Amino acid sequence: IPIIMRTIGIYEDLEKVIIVGKYVNELLPLLMDQIVIYNPFWKEGISTSIKLGLRFFKDYDAVLVALGDMPFVTKDDVDKIINAFKPSCKAVIPTHKGEKGNPVLISKSLFGEIEKLRGDLGAKVILNKMGMEELCFVECSEGVLIDIDKKEDLMRL
């Protein structure tokens, strides 16, 4: 199965929307039972996909932003991230041995700032400027650090 299908399976119990861009023609036949939004601006970078997802869930208190190329995140990791959320957290960031990873749970209070992002900048740019007291961290598996961008990444595992 393609990596994205394995990744989607991790989030099967959650309400979700899948944002697709470059590989829309290859992915759509695999995603027939999912809510899918095509991002015509995918060439402009990940910020355009994140913003589309946040707009879809604009009435929610927080949104988990997950990447399709991270198939080793576990359901347990996802549960830990969601359960760590509290009103004082502007974001819940998973860590593994002190290193920050993904997916990140983003509070609605940051949606406006994220709307201003341009290009290939993710929410990390905003989160890195925040004080530690505004963020919550939760220890997770190594899967929160592993993304598969190229075939070589997969071969290394």
Foldseek 3Di string as FASTA:
>chain_A
DDLLVLQVVQCVVDQFEAEDEDCCVVCCVVQVVHHYDYQPVCQQADLSVVLVRCVVVLVDQKDWDFDSQLNLFHNVNVVQLVVQDDPLAQKEFEDEPPHTFDRMIGGSVCSVVSVPDTGHDDCVVVVVPDDPSRHHYDYGDCSRHQGDPDVVSVVVD
